[in-house]
C-alpha atoms as a PDB file:
ATOM      1  CA  UNK A   1       2.136  -9.455  15.472  1.00  0.00           C
ATOM      2  CA  UNK A   2       1.303 -10.786  12.019  1.00  0.00           C
ATOM      3  CA  UNK A   3      -1.933 -10.757  10.030  1.00  0.00           C
ATOM      4  CA  UNK A   4      -3.760 -14.052   9.718  1.00  0.00           C
ATOM      5  CA  UNK A   5      -7.245 -14.983   8.535  1.00  0.00           C
ATOM      6  CA  UNK A   6      -9.822 -13.524  10.950  1.00  0.00           C
ATOM      7  CA  UNK A   7      -7.332 -11.302  12.816  1.00  0.00           C
ATOM      8  CA  UNK A   8      -3.719 -11.290  13.985  1.00  0.00           C
ATOM      9  CA  UNK A   9      -1.391 -13.742  15.708  1.00  0.00           C
ATOM     10  CA  UNK A  10       0.868 -12.745  18.583  1.00  0.00           C
ATOM     11  CA  UNK A  11       2.698 -16.053  19.011  1.00  0.00           C
ATOM     12  CA  UNK A  12       6.415 -15.028  18.837  1.00  0.00           C
ATOM     13  CA  UNK A  13       7.803 -17.928  16.791  1.00  0.00           C
ATOM     14  CA  UNK A  14       4.983 -17.632  14.276  1.00  0.00           C
ATOM     15  CA  UNK A  15       5.399 -13.868  13.981  1.00  0.00           C
ATOM     16  CA  UNK A  16       9.167 -14.277  13.537  1.00  0.00           C
ATOM     17  CA  UNK A  17       8.736 -16.418  10.417  1.00  0.00           C
ATOM     18  CA  UNK A  18       5.831 -14.298   9.093  1.00  0.00           C
ATOM     19  CA  UNK A  19       3.794 -17.434   8.468  1.00  0.00           C
ATOM     20  CA  UNK A  20       0.550 -17.709   6.599  1.00  0.00           C
ATOM     21  CA  UNK A  21      -2.933 -19.060   7.298  1.00  0.00           C
ATOM     22  CA  UNK A  22      -2.596 -19.316  11.069  1.00  0.00           C
ATOM     23  CA  UNK A  23      -5.598 -21.371  12.158  1.00  0.00           C
ATOM     24  CA  UNK A  24      -8.042 -20.070  14.741  1.00  0.00           C
ATOM     25  CA  UNK A  25      -6.974 -23.132  16.766  1.00  0.00           C
ATOM     26  CA  UNK A  26      -4.148 -21.153  18.325  1.00  0.00           C
ATOM     27  CA  UNK A  27      -4.730 -19.265  21.573  1.00  0.00           C
ATOM     28  CA  UNK A  28      -2.583 -16.426  20.245  1.00  0.00           C
ATOM     29  CA  UNK A  29      -5.026 -15.343  17.519  1.00  0.00           C
ATOM     30  CA  UNK A  30      -6.681 -11.986  18.199  1.00  0.00           C
ATOM     31  CA  UNK A  31      -9.696 -10.729  16.296  1.00  0.00           C
ATOM     32  CA  UNK A  32     -12.094  -7.807  16.224  1.00  0.00           C
ATOM     33  CA  UNK A  33     -15.699  -7.108  15.347  1.00  0.00           C
ATOM     34  CA  UNK A  34     -14.892  -6.543  11.659  1.00  0.00           C
ATOM     35  CA  UNK A  35     -14.105 -10.267  11.354  1.00  0.00           C
ATOM     36  CA  UNK A  36     -17.343 -11.435  13.003  1.00  0.00           C
ATOM     37  CA  UNK A  37     -19.220 -12.300   9.759  1.00  0.00           C
ATOM     38  CA  UNK A  38     -16.183 -14.254   8.536  1.00  0.00           C
ATOM     39  CA  UNK A  39     -15.870 -16.134  11.827  1.00  0.00           C
ATOM     40  CA  UNK A  40     -19.534 -17.090  11.752  1.00  0.00           C
ATOM     41  CA  UNK A  41     -19.273 -18.221   8.124  1.00  0.00           C
ATOM     42  CA  UNK A  42     -16.141 -20.228   8.964  1.00  0.00           C
ATOM     43  CA  UNK A  43     -17.934 -22.000  11.818  1.00  0.00           C
ATOM     44  CA  UNK A  44     -20.904 -22.762   9.552  1.00  0.00           C
ATOM     45  CA  UNK A  45     -18.463 -24.247   7.018  1.00  0.00           C
ATOM     46  CA  UNK A  46     -16.862 -26.408   9.719  1.00  0.00           C
ATOM     47  CA  UNK A  47     -20.259 -27.749  10.795  1.00  0.00           C
ATOM     48  CA  UNK A  48     -21.340 -28.304   7.187  1.00  0.00           C
ATOM     49  CA  UNK A  49     -18.102 -30.164   6.415  1.00  0.00           C
ATOM     50  CA  UNK A  50     -18.650 -32.416   9.456  1.00  0.00           C
ATOM     51  CA  UNK A  51     -22.118 -33.308   8.186  1.00  0.00           C
ATOM     52  CA  UNK A  52     -20.897 -33.855   4.639  1.00  0.00           C
ATOM     53  CA  UNK A  53     -18.015 -36.105   5.739  1.00  0.00           C
ATOM     54  CA  UNK A  54     -20.319 -38.105   7.994  1.00  0.00           C
ATOM     55  CA  UNK A  55     -22.342 -39.147   4.935  1.00  0.00           C
ATOM     56  CA  UNK A  56     -19.369 -40.764   3.162  1.00  0.00           C
ATOM     57  CA  UNK A  57     -20.054 -44.369   4.073  1.00  0.00           C
ATOM     58  CA  UNK A  58     -17.456 -45.773   1.640  1.00  0.00           C
ATOM     59  CA  UNK A  59     -14.562 -43.614   2.830  1.00  0.00           C
ATOM     60  CA  UNK A  60     -11.827 -45.191   4.923  1.00  0.00           C
ATOM     61  CA  UNK A  61     -12.165 -44.325   8.588  1.00  0.00           C
ATOM     62  CA  UNK A  62      -8.628 -42.894   8.757  1.00  0.00           C
ATOM     63  CA  UNK A  63      -9.382 -40.551   5.846  1.00  0.00           C
ATOM     64  CA  UNK A  64     -12.621 -39.366   7.433  1.00  0.00           C
ATOM     65  CA  UNK A  65     -10.958 -38.745  10.790  1.00  0.00           C
ATOM     66  CA  UNK A  66      -8.119 -36.768   9.160  1.00  0.00           C
ATOM     67  CA  UNK A  67     -10.510 -34.575   7.176  1.00  0.00           C
ATOM     68  CA  UNK A  68     -13.154 -34.182   9.895  1.00  0.00           C
ATOM     69  CA  UNK A  69     -13.168 -30.811  11.656  1.00  0.00           C
ATOM     70  CA  UNK A  70     -13.091 -31.381  15.391  1.00  0.00           C
ATOM     71  CA  UNK A  71     -15.653 -30.218  17.905  1.00  0.00           C
ATOM     72  CA  UNK A  72     -12.833 -28.206  19.486  1.00  0.00           C
ATOM     73  CA  UNK A  73     -12.330 -26.287  16.229  1.00  0.00           C
ATOM     74  CA  UNK A  74     -15.996 -25.385  16.018  1.00  0.00           C
ATOM     75  CA  UNK A  75     -16.276 -24.554  19.716  1.00  0.00           C
ATOM     76  CA  UNK A  76     -13.166 -22.363  19.623  1.00  0.00           C
ATOM     77  CA  UNK A  77     -14.565 -20.309  16.744  1.00  0.00           C
ATOM     78  CA  UNK A  78     -17.966 -20.114  18.467  1.00  0.00           C
ATOM     79  CA  UNK A  79     -16.388 -18.846  21.704  1.00  0.00           C
ATOM     80  CA  UNK A  80     -14.284 -16.290  19.821  1.00  0.00           C
ATOM     81  CA  UNK A  81     -17.331 -14.943  17.958  1.00  0.00           C
ATOM     82  CA  UNK A  82     -19.333 -14.954  21.189  1.00  0.00           C
ATOM     83  CA  UNK A  83     -16.701 -12.809  22.962  1.00  0.00           C
ATOM     84  CA  UNK A  84     -16.840 -10.298  20.100  1.00  0.00           C
ATOM     85  CA  UNK A  85     -20.665 -10.149  20.265  1.00  0.00           C
ATOM     86  CA  UNK A  86     -20.559  -9.717  24.058  1.00  0.00           C
ATOM     87  CA  UNK A  87     -18.187  -6.795  23.612  1.00  0.00           C
ATOM     88  CA  UNK A  88     -20.717  -5.164  21.308  1.00  0.00           C
ATOM     89  CA  UNK A  89     -23.602  -5.682  23.732  1.00  0.00           C
ATOM     90  CA  UNK A  90     -22.086  -3.442  26.424  1.00  0.00           C
ATOM     91  CA  UNK A  91     -21.794  -0.493  24.040  1.00  0.00           C
ATOM     92  CA  UNK A  92     -24.332   2.262  23.588  1.00  0.00           C
ATOM     93  CA  UNK A  93     -26.479   2.343  20.453  1.00  0.00           C
ATOM     94  CA  UNK A  94     -24.478   5.321  19.189  1.00  0.00           C
ATOM     95  CA  UNK A  95     -21.152   3.518  19.699  1.00  0.00           C
ATOM     96  CA  UNK A  96     -22.474   0.385  17.957  1.00  0.00           C
ATOM     97  CA  UNK A  97     -23.675   2.521  15.050  1.00  0.00           C
ATOM     98  CA  UNK A  98     -20.264   4.158  14.694  1.00  0.00           C
ATOM     99  CA  UNK A  99     -18.574   0.760  14.844  1.00  0.00           C
ATOM    100  CA  UNK A 100     -20.889  -0.614  12.141  1.00  0.00           C
ATOM    101  CA  UNK A 101     -19.979   2.305   9.873  1.00  0.00           C
ATOM    102  CA  UNK A 102     -16.281   1.749  10.506  1.00  0.00           C
ATOM    103  CA  UNK A 103     -16.670  -1.978   9.830  1.00  0.00           C
ATOM    104  CA  UNK A 104     -18.204  -1.264   6.421  1.00  0.00           C
ATOM    105  CA  UNK A 105     -15.164   0.842   5.504  1.00  0.00           C
ATOM    106  CA  UNK A 106     -12.684  -1.720   6.831  1.00  0.00           C
ATOM    107  CA  UNK A 107     -14.353  -4.678   5.110  1.00  0.00           C
ATOM    108  CA  UNK A 108     -14.460  -2.810   1.785  1.00  0.00           C
ATOM    109  CA  UNK A 109     -10.760  -2.045   1.899  1.00  0.00           C
ATOM    110  CA  UNK A 110      -9.463  -5.232   3.517  1.00  0.00           C
ATOM    111  CA  UNK A 111      -7.640  -7.660   1.301  1.00  0.00           C
ATOM    112  CA  UNK A 112      -7.112 -11.112   2.701  1.00  0.00           C
ATOM    113  CA  UNK A 113      -4.776 -13.474   0.937  1.00  0.00           C
ATOM    114  CA  UNK A 114      -5.167 -17.054   2.057  1.00  0.00           C
ATOM    115  CA  UNK A 115      -2.571 -18.334  -0.359  1.00  0.00           C
ATOM    116  CA  UNK A 116      -5.310 -19.662  -2.590  1.00  0.00           C
ATOM    117  CA  UNK A 117      -5.007 -19.260  -6.338  1.00  0.00           C
ATOM    118  CA  UNK A 118      -7.438 -16.701  -7.620  1.00  0.00           C
ATOM    119  CA  UNK A 119      -9.559 -16.657 -10.709  1.00  0.00           C
ATOM    120  CA  UNK A 120      -8.551 -14.050 -13.193  1.00  0.00           C
ATOM    121  CA  UNK A 121     -11.283 -11.612 -13.984  1.00  0.00           C
ATOM    122  CA  UNK A 122     -12.162 -11.334 -17.685  1.00  0.00           C
ATOM    123  CA  UNK A 123     -10.794  -8.269 -19.383  1.00  0.00           C
ATOM    124  CA  UNK A 124     -13.236  -5.505 -20.049  1.00  0.00           C
ATOM    125  CA  UNK A 125     -14.628  -5.430 -23.579  1.00  0.00           C
ATOM    126  CA  UNK A 126     -13.026  -2.363 -25.082  1.00  0.00           C
ATOM    127  CA  UNK A 127     -15.351  -2.441 -28.088  1.00  0.00           C
ATOM    128  CA  UNK A 128     -18.846  -3.131 -26.692  1.00  0.00           C
ATOM    129  CA  UNK A 129     -20.595  -2.634 -30.051  1.00  0.00           C
ATOM    130  CA  UNK A 130     -18.610  -5.433 -31.693  1.00  0.00           C
ATOM    131  CA  UNK A 131     -20.410  -8.704 -32.394  1.00  0.00           C
ATOM    132  CA  UNK A 132     -18.888 -12.041 -31.506  1.00  0.00           C
ATOM    133  CA  UNK A 133     -17.181 -14.124 -34.154  1.00  0.00           C
ATOM    134  CA  UNK A 134     -14.626 -13.481 -36.849  1.00  0.00           C
ATOM    135  CA  UNK A 135     -14.997 -10.527 -39.135  1.00  0.00           C
ATOM    136  CA  UNK A 136     -14.044 -10.573 -42.787  1.00  0.00           C
ATOM    137  CA  UNK A 137     -12.083  -7.725 -44.173  1.00  0.00           C
ATOM    138  CA  UNK A 138     -12.703  -6.909 -47.821  1.00  0.00           C
ATOM    139  CA  UNK A 139     -10.968  -4.494 -50.075  1.00  0.00           C
ATOM    140  CA  UNK A 140     -13.154  -2.430 -52.028  1.00  0.00           C
END
């Protein structure tokens, strides 16, 4: 099993090469309730991208079809999220509450690397009282 966005992948050849960014398209991707907000956001992005690409009247049809997320992609993510929500519905209120608390801890500590370059955070200002601009040093 290897970690992928939104869960893990159990497909043996993919696990063997420790690949990255396994799409949700694969039937071997497993997820859990802690990924539910990400799955729903991903599906919303897919639908938004479909709408955005549909408005490009001047784009070549081959380019639009290559970039267009398929209905299968969106439906697969919807079904995956729906199975997670259904699993939550059969639990007691107390169990759901405990799961929500655990999810908050997991989501705070989870680091997901999608292979995307990150933006470097600015260094903390070690001298907060200093004004911007050059300072002149004088002797005397």
